[in-house]
Amino acid sequence: MAAREFGDAMILVGDQKQIEAELANLDTAGLTIEVKHASQKIVMTDKPSKVVKGKPDSSMHVGINLVKTGEADAFVTAGNTGGALAVAMLRQVGLGRIRGVKRPALGVIFPIEERPLLIDNGANADCKPEYLLQFGIMGSLYVERALGIANPRVALISNGEEEGKGSSLIKETIPLMQASGLNYIGNIEPKEFMNGAADVGVIDGFAGNLIIKTAEAIASYMNNIIKTEIKASPLTTLGGLLAKPAFKRVGARLDPDEVGGAPLLGVNGAVIVAHGRSNAYAVKQAIGQARMIVEKKVVEAIKEGLRTE
């Protein structure tokens, strides 16, 4: 799907026999698709510390090193997030961090109409104020370059708008944000972020990941309740049929598959980490995100932005 829509050459990394057997069942006429063999596989239960040195010929090692050597422009994975972060971050085996970056972060485009960026989304469970500051800088540069939003509004996600509220981490980050030169608009609550009050919401990776997973769970729960109630009587079933086109439009606007994946900002190359439950369409969208990062020179913008910090 991605090769057809974007017209790019694709490199598929993994078990060569398995991949080629699957490709044989698909119409690949006119497409440029190369297969790179990787003899090892990282599974979801693998610990990142074991992955880095224990599986040097995994698809993540091979794929990320294609970016490192310039054979590929970007790497997309829907595999073990911790493994992808570990391999990408370490210069010895992968891309390494951009000079000056203290901690790379995952930034996810929230599936609401305004498409704000939430950063961090799980790469850093424990954070320091200077990490959050850099998340804000990298997130702002990403939104400006990739999404075309000039002077993005950056906010700290907290439990209240007042500066006196929030954890010690939030309180210590506020003066750094105020002095940063970013378009910092202060603290906002999650509900305001959901209403599009900011273009970039900055948060530690532990809380950010909880927000994403909670939002996904609530959306799934509400969807199931609506389906159950619509089928509760003949009258509501008829109403549901009449409203079906509207439900489809709402579903499309809130569909996380449209986003595709989260950019790993702060590493020296374009890396997208997609959800482990990604379907074919979501992977195609993740590839689209990766090519956008390359085209808009997001990595170069972060390098320049942190150089002048």
C-alpha atoms as a PDB file:
ATOM      1  CA  MET A   1       0.000   0.000   0.000  1.00  0.00           C
ATOM      2  CA  ALA A   2       2.762   2.430   0.926  1.00  0.00           C
ATOM      3  CA  ALA A   3       4.886   1.556  -2.097  1.00  0.00           C
ATOM      4  CA  ARG A   4       1.936   2.149  -4.410  1.00  0.00           C
ATOM      5  CA  GLU A   5       0.755   5.385  -2.805  1.00  0.00           C
ATOM      6  CA  PHE A   6       4.116   7.045  -2.215  1.00  0.00           C
ATOM      7  CA  GLY A   7       6.141   5.545  -5.075  1.00  0.00           C
ATOM      8  CA  ASP A   8       9.128   4.940  -2.801  1.00  0.00           C
ATOM      9  CA  ALA A   9      11.506   2.009  -2.733  1.00  0.00           C
ATOM     10  CA  MET A  10      10.774  -0.181   0.282  1.00  0.00           C
ATOM     11  CA  ILE A  11      13.158  -2.400   2.231  1.00  0.00           C
ATOM     12  CA  LEU A  12      11.491  -5.127   4.288  1.00  0.00           C
ATOM     13  CA  VAL A  13      13.664  -6.489   7.090  1.00  0.00           C
ATOM     14  CA  GLY A  14      13.136  -9.841   8.793  1.00  0.00           C
ATOM     15  CA  ASP A  15      12.975 -13.536   7.962  1.00  0.00           C
ATOM     16  CA  GLN A  16      13.668 -13.507   4.233  1.00  0.00           C
ATOM     17  CA  LYS A  17      11.842 -16.756   3.418  1.00  0.00           C
ATOM     18  CA  GLN A  18       8.764 -15.691   5.333  1.00  0.00           C
ATOM     19  CA  ILE A  19       8.673 -12.241   3.739  1.00  0.00           C
ATOM     20  CA  GLU A  20       9.237 -13.519   0.197  1.00  0.00           C
ATOM     21  CA  ALA A  21       6.505 -16.154   0.641  1.00  0.00           C
ATOM     22  CA  GLU A  22       4.077 -13.391   1.640  1.00  0.00           C
ATOM     23  CA  LEU A  23       5.160 -11.125  -1.215  1.00  0.00           C
ATOM     24  CA  ALA A  24       4.511 -13.971  -3.667  1.00  0.00           C
ATOM     25  CA  ASN A  25       0.812 -13.749  -2.780  1.00  0.00           C
ATOM     26  CA  LEU A  26       0.641 -10.007  -3.494  1.00  0.00           C
ATOM     27  CA  ASP A  27       0.609  -7.905  -6.644  1.00  0.00           C
ATOM     28  CA  THR A  28       3.994  -6.145  -6.537  1.00  0.00           C
ATOM     29  CA  ALA A  29       4.246  -5.366 -10.246  1.00  0.00           C
ATOM     30  CA  GLY A  30       6.052  -2.076 -10.845  1.00  0.00           C
ATOM     31  CA  LEU A  31       7.019  -1.700  -7.172  1.00  0.00           C
ATOM     32  CA  THR A  32      10.567  -1.511  -5.855  1.00  0.00           C
ATOM     33  CA  ILE A  33      10.696  -3.814  -2.836  1.00  0.00           C
ATOM     34  CA  GLU A  34      13.918  -5.230  -1.438  1.00  0.00           C
ATOM     35  CA  VAL A  35      14.210  -7.825   1.317  1.00  0.00           C
ATOM     36  CA  LYS A  36      17.023  -7.764   3.892  1.00  0.00           C
ATOM     37  CA  HIS A  37      17.435 -10.896   5.977  1.00  0.00           C
ATOM     38  CA  ALA A  38      17.622 -10.723   9.756  1.00  0.00           C
ATOM     39  CA  SER A  39      18.315 -14.014  11.485  1.00  0.00           C
ATOM     40  CA  GLN A  40      17.061 -12.963  14.932  1.00  0.00           C
ATOM     41  CA  LYS A  41      13.693 -11.735  16.155  1.00  0.00           C
ATOM     42  CA  ILE A  42      12.879  -9.424  19.062  1.00  0.00           C
ATOM     43  CA  VAL A  43       9.667 -10.497  20.802  1.00  0.00           C
ATOM     44  CA  MET A  44       7.449  -8.342  22.990  1.00  0.00           C
ATOM     45  CA  THR A  45       8.717  -9.956  26.214  1.00  0.00           C
ATOM     46  CA  ASP A  46      12.396  -9.225  25.487  1.00  0.00           C
ATOM     47  CA  LYS A  47      13.997  -6.726  27.850  1.00  0.00           C
ATOM     48  CA  PRO A  48      15.720  -3.788  26.101  1.00  0.00           C
ATOM     49  CA  SER A  49      18.980  -4.399  27.978  1.00  0.00           C
ATOM     50  CA  LYS A  50      19.120  -7.954  26.616  1.00  0.00           C
ATOM     51  CA  VAL A  51      18.153  -6.906  23.091  1.00  0.00           C
ATOM     52  CA  VAL A  52      21.047  -4.520  22.449  1.00  0.00           C
ATOM     53  CA  LYS A  53      23.876  -7.044  22.745  1.00  0.00           C
ATOM     54  CA  GLY A  54      21.961 -10.303  22.832  1.00  0.00           C
ATOM     55  CA  LYS A  55      20.336 -10.074  19.389  1.00  0.00           C
ATOM     56  CA  PRO A  56      22.751  -8.168  17.119  1.00  0.00           C
ATOM     57  CA  ASP A  57      21.145  -9.552  13.943  1.00  0.00           C
ATOM     58  CA  SER A  58      17.569  -8.687  14.828  1.00  0.00           C
ATOM     59  CA  SER A  59      15.362  -6.854  12.332  1.00  0.00           C
ATOM     60  CA  MET A  60      15.651  -3.717  14.490  1.00  0.00           C
ATOM     61  CA  HIS A  61      19.457  -3.789  14.451  1.00  0.00           C
ATOM     62  CA  VAL A  62      19.564  -4.444  10.711  1.00  0.00           C
ATOM     63  CA  GLY A  63      16.863  -1.890   9.858  1.00  0.00           C
ATOM     64  CA  ILE A  64      18.211   0.921  12.026  1.00  0.00           C
ATOM     65  CA  ASN A  65      21.713   0.362  10.691  1.00  0.00           C
ATOM     66  CA  LEU A  66      20.383   0.757   7.139  1.00  0.00           C
ATOM     67  CA  VAL A  67      19.455   4.298   8.193  1.00  0.00           C
ATOM     68  CA  LYS A  68      22.816   4.778   9.927  1.00  0.00           C
ATOM     69  CA  THR A  69      24.748   3.815   6.765  1.00  0.00           C
ATOM     70  CA  GLY A  70      22.495   5.838   4.458  1.00  0.00           C
ATOM     71  CA  GLU A  71      21.026   2.825   2.661  1.00  0.00           C
ATOM     72  CA  ALA A  72      17.598   3.816   3.965  1.00  0.00           C
ATOM     73  CA  ASP A  73      16.105   7.201   4.867  1.00  0.00           C
ATOM     74  CA  ALA A  74      13.872   6.078   7.725  1.00  0.00           C
ATOM     75  CA  PHE A  75      12.995   3.082   9.890  1.00  0.00           C
ATOM     76  CA  VAL A  76       9.454   2.025  10.858  1.00  0.00           C
ATOM     77  CA  THR A  77       8.615  -0.688  13.379  1.00  0.00           C
ATOM     78  CA  ALA A  78       5.524  -1.993  15.165  1.00  0.00           C
ATOM     79  CA  GLY A  79       7.598  -4.252  17.386  1.00  0.00           C
ATOM     80  CA  ASN A  80       8.926  -4.065  20.944  1.00  0.00           C
ATOM     81  CA  THR A  81       9.027  -0.330  21.787  1.00  0.00           C
ATOM     82  CA  GLY A  82      11.739  -0.679  24.428  1.00  0.00           C
ATOM     83  CA  GLY A  83      13.892  -2.657  22.014  1.00  0.00           C
ATOM     84  CA  ALA A  84      13.490  -0.045  19.278  1.00  0.00           C
ATOM     85  CA  LEU A  85      14.406   2.763  21.679  1.00  0.00           C
ATOM     86  CA  ALA A  86      17.454   0.921  23.020  1.00  0.00           C
ATOM     87  CA  VAL A  87      18.863   0.060  19.597  1.00  0.00           C
ATOM     88  CA  ALA A  88      18.156   3.488  18.091  1.00  0.00           C
ATOM     89  CA  MET A  89      19.561   5.463  21.026  1.00  0.00           C
ATOM     90  CA  LEU A  90      22.935   3.754  21.409  1.00  0.00           C
ATOM     91  CA  ARG A  91      25.598   4.972  18.989  1.00  0.00           C
ATOM     92  CA  GLN A  92      27.568   1.718  19.258  1.00  0.00           C
ATOM     93  CA  VAL A  93      24.773  -0.356  17.727  1.00  0.00           C
ATOM     94  CA  GLY A  94      22.388   2.180  16.218  1.00  0.00           C
ATOM     95  CA  LEU A  95      21.862   5.851  15.425  1.00  0.00           C
ATOM     96  CA  GLY A  96      22.784   7.442  18.734  1.00  0.00           C
ATOM     97  CA  ARG A  97      21.358  10.642  20.175  1.00  0.00           C
ATOM     98  CA  ILE A  98      21.605  14.006  18.467  1.00  0.00           C
ATOM     99  CA  ARG A  99      24.373  15.999  20.103  1.00  0.00           C
ATOM    100  CA  GLY A 100      22.993  17.817  23.139  1.00  0.00           C
ATOM    101  CA  VAL A 101      19.890  15.616  23.522  1.00  0.00           C
ATOM    102  CA  LYS A 102      19.626  14.324  27.074  1.00  0.00           C
ATOM    103  CA  ARG A 103      16.779  11.886  26.415  1.00  0.00           C
ATOM    104  CA  PRO A 104      15.001  11.088  23.124  1.00  0.00           C
ATOM    105  CA  ALA A 105      11.211  11.089  23.409  1.00  0.00           C
ATOM    106  CA  LEU A 106       8.220   9.574  21.649  1.00  0.00           C
ATOM    107  CA  GLY A 107       5.790  12.161  20.361  1.00  0.00           C
ATOM    108  CA  VAL A 108       2.339  10.936  19.399  1.00  0.00           C
ATOM    109  CA  ILE A 109      -0.179  12.915  17.369  1.00  0.00           C
ATOM    110  CA  PHE A 110      -3.402  12.733  19.359  1.00  0.00           C
ATOM    111  CA  PRO A 111      -6.308  11.478  17.205  1.00  0.00           C
ATOM    112  CA  ILE A 112      -8.557  14.512  17.618  1.00  0.00           C
ATOM    113  CA  GLU A 113      -9.428  17.180  15.080  1.00  0.00           C
ATOM    114  CA  GLU A 114      -6.659  19.651  16.019  1.00  0.00           C
ATOM    115  CA  ARG A 115      -4.023  16.872  15.911  1.00  0.00           C
ATOM    116  CA  PRO A 116      -1.877  18.123  18.841  1.00  0.00           C
ATOM    117  CA  LEU A 117       1.390  16.375  19.739  1.00  0.00           C
ATOM    118  CA  LEU A 118       1.768  14.699  23.141  1.00  0.00           C
ATOM    119  CA  ILE A 119       5.403  14.228  24.165  1.00  0.00           C
ATOM    120  CA  ASP A 120       6.701  12.014  25.867  1.00  0.00           C
ATOM    121  CA  ASN A 121       4.613   8.908  25.279  1.00  0.00           C
ATOM    122  CA  GLY A 122       6.568   6.282  27.175  1.00  0.00           C
ATOM    123  CA  ALA A 123      10.262   6.548  26.338  1.00  0.00           C
ATOM    124  CA  ASN A 124      11.168   8.119  29.706  1.00  0.00           C
ATOM    125  CA  ALA A 125       9.244   7.059  32.796  1.00  0.00           C
ATOM    126  CA  ASP A 126      11.464   9.117  35.103  1.00  0.00           C
ATOM    127  CA  CYS A 127      12.228  12.666  34.001  1.00  0.00           C
ATOM    128  CA  LYS A 128      14.093  15.781  35.090  1.00  0.00           C
ATOM    129  CA  PRO A 129      13.011  19.372  34.335  1.00  0.00           C
ATOM    130  CA  GLU A 130      15.684  19.754  31.640  1.00  0.00           C
ATOM    131  CA  TYR A 131      14.302  16.674  29.875  1.00  0.00           C
ATOM    132  CA  LEU A 132      10.813  18.190  29.707  1.00  0.00           C
ATOM    133  CA  LEU A 133      12.296  21.412  28.368  1.00  0.00           C
ATOM    134  CA  GLN A 134      13.959  19.518  25.538  1.00  0.00           C
ATOM    135  CA  PHE A 135      10.749  17.571  24.867  1.00  0.00           C
ATOM    136  CA  GLY A 136       9.059  20.940  24.387  1.00  0.00           C
ATOM    137  CA  ILE A 137      11.771  22.161  22.025  1.00  0.00           C
ATOM    138  CA  MET A 138      11.808  18.965  19.940  1.00  0.00           C
ATOM    139  CA  GLY A 139       8.007  18.769  19.888  1.00  0.00           C
ATOM    140  CA  SER A 140       7.712  22.385  18.796  1.00  0.00           C
ATOM    141  CA  LEU A 141      10.222  21.871  15.976  1.00  0.00           C
ATOM    142  CA  TYR A 142       8.435  18.714  14.836  1.00  0.00           C
ATOM    143  CA  VAL A 143       5.012  20.374  14.760  1.00  0.00           C
ATOM    144  CA  GLU A 144       6.410  23.428  12.978  1.00  0.00           C
ATOM    145  CA  ARG A 145       8.254  21.435  10.305  1.00  0.00           C
ATOM    146  CA  ALA A 146       6.107  18.357   9.816  1.00  0.00           C
ATOM    147  CA  LEU A 147       2.640  19.822  10.396  1.00  0.00           C
ATOM    148  CA  GLY A 148       3.296  23.355   9.130  1.00  0.00           C
ATOM    149  CA  ILE A 149       2.104  25.132  12.296  1.00  0.00           C
ATOM    150  CA  ALA A 150       4.048  28.357  12.797  1.00  0.00           C
ATOM    151  CA  ASN A 151       5.086  29.242  16.350  1.00  0.00           C
ATOM    152  CA  PRO A 152       3.342  26.233  17.960  1.00  0.00           C
ATOM    153  CA  ARG A 153       1.719  26.691  21.366  1.00  0.00           C
ATOM    154  CA  VAL A 154       3.575  24.604  23.945  1.00  0.00           C
ATOM    155  CA  ALA A 155       2.041  23.663  27.312  1.00  0.00           C
ATOM    156  CA  LEU A 156       2.906  21.508  30.299  1.00  0.00           C
ATOM    157  CA  ILE A 157       0.224  18.912  31.046  1.00  0.00           C
ATOM    158  CA  SER A 158      -0.651  19.180  34.734  1.00  0.00           C
ATOM    159  CA  ASN A 159      -3.521  18.717  37.176  1.00  0.00           C
ATOM    160  CA  GLY A 160      -4.362  22.411  37.088  1.00  0.00           C
ATOM    161  CA  GLU A 161      -3.682  25.593  35.163  1.00  0.00           C
ATOM    162  CA  GLU A 162      -2.240  27.492  38.136  1.00  0.00           C
ATOM    163  CA  GLU A 163       1.552  27.568  38.457  1.00  0.00           C
ATOM    164  CA  GLY A 164       1.278  26.463  42.087  1.00  0.00           C
ATOM    165  CA  LYS A 165      -0.294  23.156  41.057  1.00  0.00           C
ATOM    166  CA  GLY A 166       1.458  20.069  39.761  1.00  0.00           C
ATOM    167  CA  SER A 167       4.256  17.803  40.885  1.00  0.00           C
ATOM    168  CA  SER A 168       7.690  19.086  41.861  1.00  0.00           C
ATOM    169  CA  LEU A 169       8.809  18.117  38.352  1.00  0.00           C
ATOM    170  CA  ILE A 170       6.202  20.422  36.786  1.00  0.00           C
ATOM    171  CA  LYS A 171       6.960  23.290  39.165  1.00  0.00           C
ATOM    172  CA  GLU A 172      10.704  23.085  38.480  1.00  0.00           C
ATOM    173  CA  THR A 173      10.119  22.916  34.716  1.00  0.00           C
ATOM    174  CA  ILE A 174       7.958  26.055  34.533  1.00  0.00           C
ATOM    175  CA  PRO A 175      10.802  28.628  34.825  1.00  0.00           C
ATOM    176  CA  LEU A 176      12.830  26.703  32.220  1.00  0.00           C
ATOM    177  CA  MET A 177       9.899  26.840  29.808  1.00  0.00           C
ATOM    178  CA  GLN A 178       9.314  30.523  30.510  1.00  0.00           C
ATOM    179  CA  ALA A 179      12.932  31.369  29.673  1.00  0.00           C
ATOM    180  CA  SER A 180      13.162  29.051  26.644  1.00  0.00           C
ATOM    181  CA  GLY A 181      11.911  31.307  23.853  1.00  0.00           C
ATOM    182  CA  LEU A 182       9.195  28.772  23.031  1.00  0.00           C
ATOM    183  CA  ASN A 183       5.600  29.912  22.614  1.00  0.00           C
ATOM    184  CA  TYR A 184       4.929  28.583  26.098  1.00  0.00           C
ATOM    185  CA  ILE A 185       1.324  29.122  27.207  1.00  0.00           C
ATOM    186  CA  GLY A 186       1.597  27.638  30.722  1.00  0.00           C
ATOM    187  CA  ASN A 187      -0.003  24.634  32.379  1.00  0.00           C
ATOM    188  CA  ILE A 188      -3.104  22.994  30.972  1.00  0.00           C
ATOM    189  CA  GLU A 189      -5.212  20.087  32.164  1.00  0.00           C
ATOM    190  CA  PRO A 190      -5.713  16.983  29.981  1.00  0.00           C
ATOM    191  CA  LYS A 191      -9.272  18.097  29.152  1.00  0.00           C
ATOM    192  CA  GLU A 192      -7.928  21.367  27.698  1.00  0.00           C
ATOM    193  CA  PHE A 193      -5.343  19.457  25.686  1.00  0.00           C
ATOM    194  CA  MET A 194      -8.178  17.324  24.284  1.00  0.00           C
ATOM    195  CA  ASN A 195      -9.994  20.538  23.313  1.00  0.00           C
ATOM    196  CA  GLY A 196      -7.029  21.782  21.274  1.00  0.00           C
ATOM    197  CA  ALA A 197      -5.694  24.386  23.725  1.00  0.00           C
ATOM    198  CA  ALA A 198      -2.078  23.603  22.755  1.00  0.00           C
ATOM    199  CA  ASP A 199      -0.221  22.305  19.706  1.00  0.00           C
ATOM    200  CA  VAL A 200       2.360  20.521  21.879  1.00  0.00           C
ATOM    201  CA  GLY A 201       1.575  18.985  25.269  1.00  0.00           C
ATOM    202  CA  VAL A 202       4.689  18.187  27.311  1.00  0.00           C
ATOM    203  CA  ILE A 203       4.578  15.447  29.938  1.00  0.00           C
ATOM    204  CA  ASP A 204       6.803  12.767  31.448  1.00  0.00           C
ATOM    205  CA  GLY A 205       6.714   9.418  29.647  1.00  0.00           C
ATOM    206  CA  PHE A 206       5.035   7.531  32.495  1.00  0.00           C
ATOM    207  CA  ALA A 207       2.028   9.859  32.705  1.00  0.00           C
ATOM    208  CA  GLY A 208       1.947  10.401  28.938  1.00  0.00           C
ATOM    209  CA  ASN A 209       1.702   6.689  28.262  1.00  0.00           C
ATOM    210  CA  LEU A 210      -1.091   6.392  30.833  1.00  0.00           C
ATOM    211  CA  ILE A 211      -3.024   9.203  29.111  1.00  0.00           C
ATOM    212  CA  ILE A 212      -2.766   7.488  25.718  1.00  0.00           C
ATOM    213  CA  LYS A 213      -3.732   4.049  27.026  1.00  0.00           C
ATOM    214  CA  THR A 214      -6.587   5.434  29.116  1.00  0.00           C
ATOM    215  CA  ALA A 215      -7.933   7.381  26.132  1.00  0.00           C
ATOM    216  CA  GLU A 216      -7.766   4.234  23.968  1.00  0.00           C
ATOM    217  CA  ALA A 217      -9.571   2.195  26.636  1.00  0.00           C
ATOM    218  CA  ILE A 218     -12.331   4.804  27.099  1.00  0.00           C
ATOM    219  CA  ALA A 219     -12.844   5.098  23.335  1.00  0.00           C
ATOM    220  CA  SER A 220     -13.151   1.319  23.014  1.00  0.00           C
ATOM    221  CA  TYR A 221     -15.497   1.130  26.016  1.00  0.00           C
ATOM    222  CA  MET A 222     -17.766   3.890  24.682  1.00  0.00           C
ATOM    223  CA  ASN A 223     -17.843   2.266  21.269  1.00  0.00           C
ATOM    224  CA  ASN A 224     -19.000  -1.036  22.769  1.00  0.00           C
ATOM    225  CA  ILE A 225     -21.660   0.675  24.915  1.00  0.00           C
ATOM    226  CA  ILE A 226     -23.060   2.585  21.922  1.00  0.00           C
ATOM    227  CA  LYS A 227     -23.244  -0.625  19.856  1.00  0.00           C
ATOM    228  CA  THR A 228     -25.020  -2.450  22.696  1.00  0.00           C
ATOM    229  CA  GLU A 229     -27.548   0.336  23.282  1.00  0.00           C
ATOM    230  CA  ILE A 230     -28.298   0.739  19.567  1.00  0.00           C
ATOM    231  CA  LYS A 231     -29.192  -2.966  19.370  1.00  0.00           C
ATOM    232  CA  ALA A 232     -31.329  -2.793  22.533  1.00  0.00           C
ATOM    233  CA  SER A 233     -34.647  -2.277  20.689  1.00  0.00           C
ATOM    234  CA  PRO A 234     -36.019  -2.227  17.134  1.00  0.00           C
ATOM    235  CA  LEU A 235     -36.481   1.555  17.291  1.00  0.00           C
ATOM    236  CA  THR A 236     -32.878   2.289  18.345  1.00  0.00           C
ATOM    237  CA  THR A 237     -31.638  -0.263  15.793  1.00  0.00           C
ATOM    238  CA  LEU A 238     -33.452   1.667  13.060  1.00  0.00           C
ATOM    239  CA  GLY A 239     -32.038   4.947  14.384  1.00  0.00           C
ATOM    240  CA  GLY A 240     -28.585   3.411  14.403  1.00  0.00           C
ATOM    241  CA  LEU A 241     -28.920   2.430  10.751  1.00  0.00           C
ATOM    242  CA  LEU A 242     -29.964   5.980   9.846  1.00  0.00           C
ATOM    243  CA  ALA A 243     -27.041   7.425  11.818  1.00  0.00           C
ATOM    244  CA  LYS A 244     -24.475   4.929  10.486  1.00  0.00           C
ATOM    245  CA  PRO A 245     -22.830   7.398   8.047  1.00  0.00           C
ATOM    246  CA  ALA A 246     -22.357   9.904  10.898  1.00  0.00           C
ATOM    247  CA  PHE A 247     -20.837   7.207  13.134  1.00  0.00           C
ATOM    248  CA  LYS A 248     -18.402   6.303  10.360  1.00  0.00           C
ATOM    249  CA  ARG A 249     -17.303   9.930  10.002  1.00  0.00           C
ATOM    250  CA  VAL A 250     -16.795  10.230  13.763  1.00  0.00           C
ATOM    251  CA  GLY A 251     -14.823   6.987  13.768  1.00  0.00           C
ATOM    252  CA  ALA A 252     -12.553   8.233  10.985  1.00  0.00           C
ATOM    253  CA  ARG A 253     -11.846  11.499  12.845  1.00  0.00           C
ATOM    254  CA  LEU A 254     -10.896   9.653  16.044  1.00  0.00           C
ATOM    255  CA  ASP A 255      -9.165   6.646  14.461  1.00  0.00           C
ATOM    256  CA  PRO A 256      -5.598   6.234  15.817  1.00  0.00           C
ATOM    257  CA  ASP A 257      -4.752   4.212  12.690  1.00  0.00           C
ATOM    258  CA  GLU A 258      -4.849   7.504  10.755  1.00  0.00           C
ATOM    259  CA  VAL A 259      -1.839   8.663  12.806  1.00  0.00           C
ATOM    260  CA  GLY A 260       0.095   5.467  12.226  1.00  0.00           C
ATOM    261  CA  GLY A 261       2.899   5.761  14.756  1.00  0.00           C
ATOM    262  CA  ALA A 262       4.967   7.928  17.066  1.00  0.00           C
ATOM    263  CA  PRO A 263       8.164   9.666  15.918  1.00  0.00           C
ATOM    264  CA  LEU A 264      11.175   9.011  18.140  1.00  0.00           C
ATOM    265  CA  LEU A 265      12.548  12.540  18.410  1.00  0.00           C
ATOM    266  CA  GLY A 266      16.138  13.156  19.489  1.00  0.00           C
ATOM    267  CA  VAL A 267      17.886  10.261  17.756  1.00  0.00           C
ATOM    268  CA  ASN A 268      20.159  10.876  14.788  1.00  0.00           C
ATOM    269  CA  GLY A 269      17.750   9.613  12.147  1.00  0.00           C
ATOM    270  CA  ALA A 270      14.075   9.185  11.269  1.00  0.00           C
ATOM    271  CA  VAL A 271      12.442   6.466  13.387  1.00  0.00           C
ATOM    272  CA  ILE A 272       8.718   5.771  13.753  1.00  0.00           C
ATOM    273  CA  VAL A 273       7.387   3.400  16.414  1.00  0.00           C
ATOM    274  CA  ALA A 274       3.910   2.124  15.574  1.00  0.00           C
ATOM    275  CA  HIS A 275       1.430   0.382  17.889  1.00  0.00           C
ATOM    276  CA  GLY A 276       1.918  -3.360  18.329  1.00  0.00           C
ATOM    277  CA  ARG A 277      -1.696  -3.871  17.226  1.00  0.00           C
ATOM    278  CA  SER A 278      -1.237  -1.886  14.012  1.00  0.00           C
ATOM    279  CA  ASN A 279      -3.143  -3.150  10.977  1.00  0.00           C
ATOM    280  CA  ALA A 280      -1.942  -2.782   7.379  1.00  0.00           C
ATOM    281  CA  TYR A 281      -3.450   0.690   6.995  1.00  0.00           C
ATOM    282  CA  ALA A 282      -1.829   1.940  10.219  1.00  0.00           C
ATOM    283  CA  VAL A 283       1.580   0.684   9.059  1.00  0.00           C
ATOM    284  CA  LYS A 284       1.085   2.473   5.740  1.00  0.00           C
ATOM    285  CA  GLN A 285       0.288   5.686   7.608  1.00  0.00           C
ATOM    286  CA  ALA A 286       3.370   5.194   9.812  1.00  0.00           C
ATOM    287  CA  ILE A 287       5.496   4.943   6.676  1.00  0.00           C
ATOM    288  CA  GLY A 288       3.862   8.158   5.483  1.00  0.00           C
ATOM    289  CA  GLN A 289       4.890   9.831   8.746  1.00  0.00           C
ATOM    290  CA  ALA A 290       8.451   8.601   8.329  1.00  0.00           C
ATOM    291  CA  ARG A 291       8.759  10.019   4.817  1.00  0.00           C
ATOM    292  CA  MET A 292       7.270  13.326   6.033  1.00  0.00           C
ATOM    293  CA  ILE A 293       9.990  13.575   8.719  1.00  0.00           C
ATOM    294  CA  VAL A 294      12.619  13.037   6.029  1.00  0.00           C
ATOM    295  CA  GLU A 295      11.062  15.456   3.525  1.00  0.00           C
ATOM    296  CA  LYS A 296      10.566  18.206   6.111  1.00  0.00           C
ATOM    297  CA  LYS A 297      14.097  17.697   7.523  1.00  0.00           C
ATOM    298  CA  VAL A 298      12.847  17.329  11.090  1.00  0.00           C
ATOM    299  CA  VAL A 299      16.064  15.692  12.336  1.00  0.00           C
ATOM    300  CA  GLU A 300      18.122  18.551  10.889  1.00  0.00           C
ATOM    301  CA  ALA A 301      15.770  21.098  12.486  1.00  0.00           C
ATOM    302  CA  ILE A 302      16.202  19.493  15.918  1.00  0.00           C
ATOM    303  CA  LYS A 303      19.973  19.498  15.508  1.00  0.00           C
ATOM    304  CA  GLU A 304      19.927  23.204  14.705  1.00  0.00           C
ATOM    305  CA  GLY A 305      17.382  24.009  17.404  1.00  0.00           C
ATOM    306  CA  LEU A 306      19.383  22.356  20.157  1.00  0.00           C
ATOM    307  CA  ARG A 307      22.612  23.893  18.894  1.00  0.00           C
ATOM    308  CA  THR A 308      21.158  27.342  19.507  1.00  0.00           C
ATOM    309  CA  GLU A 309      19.420  26.412  22.784  1.00  0.00           C
END
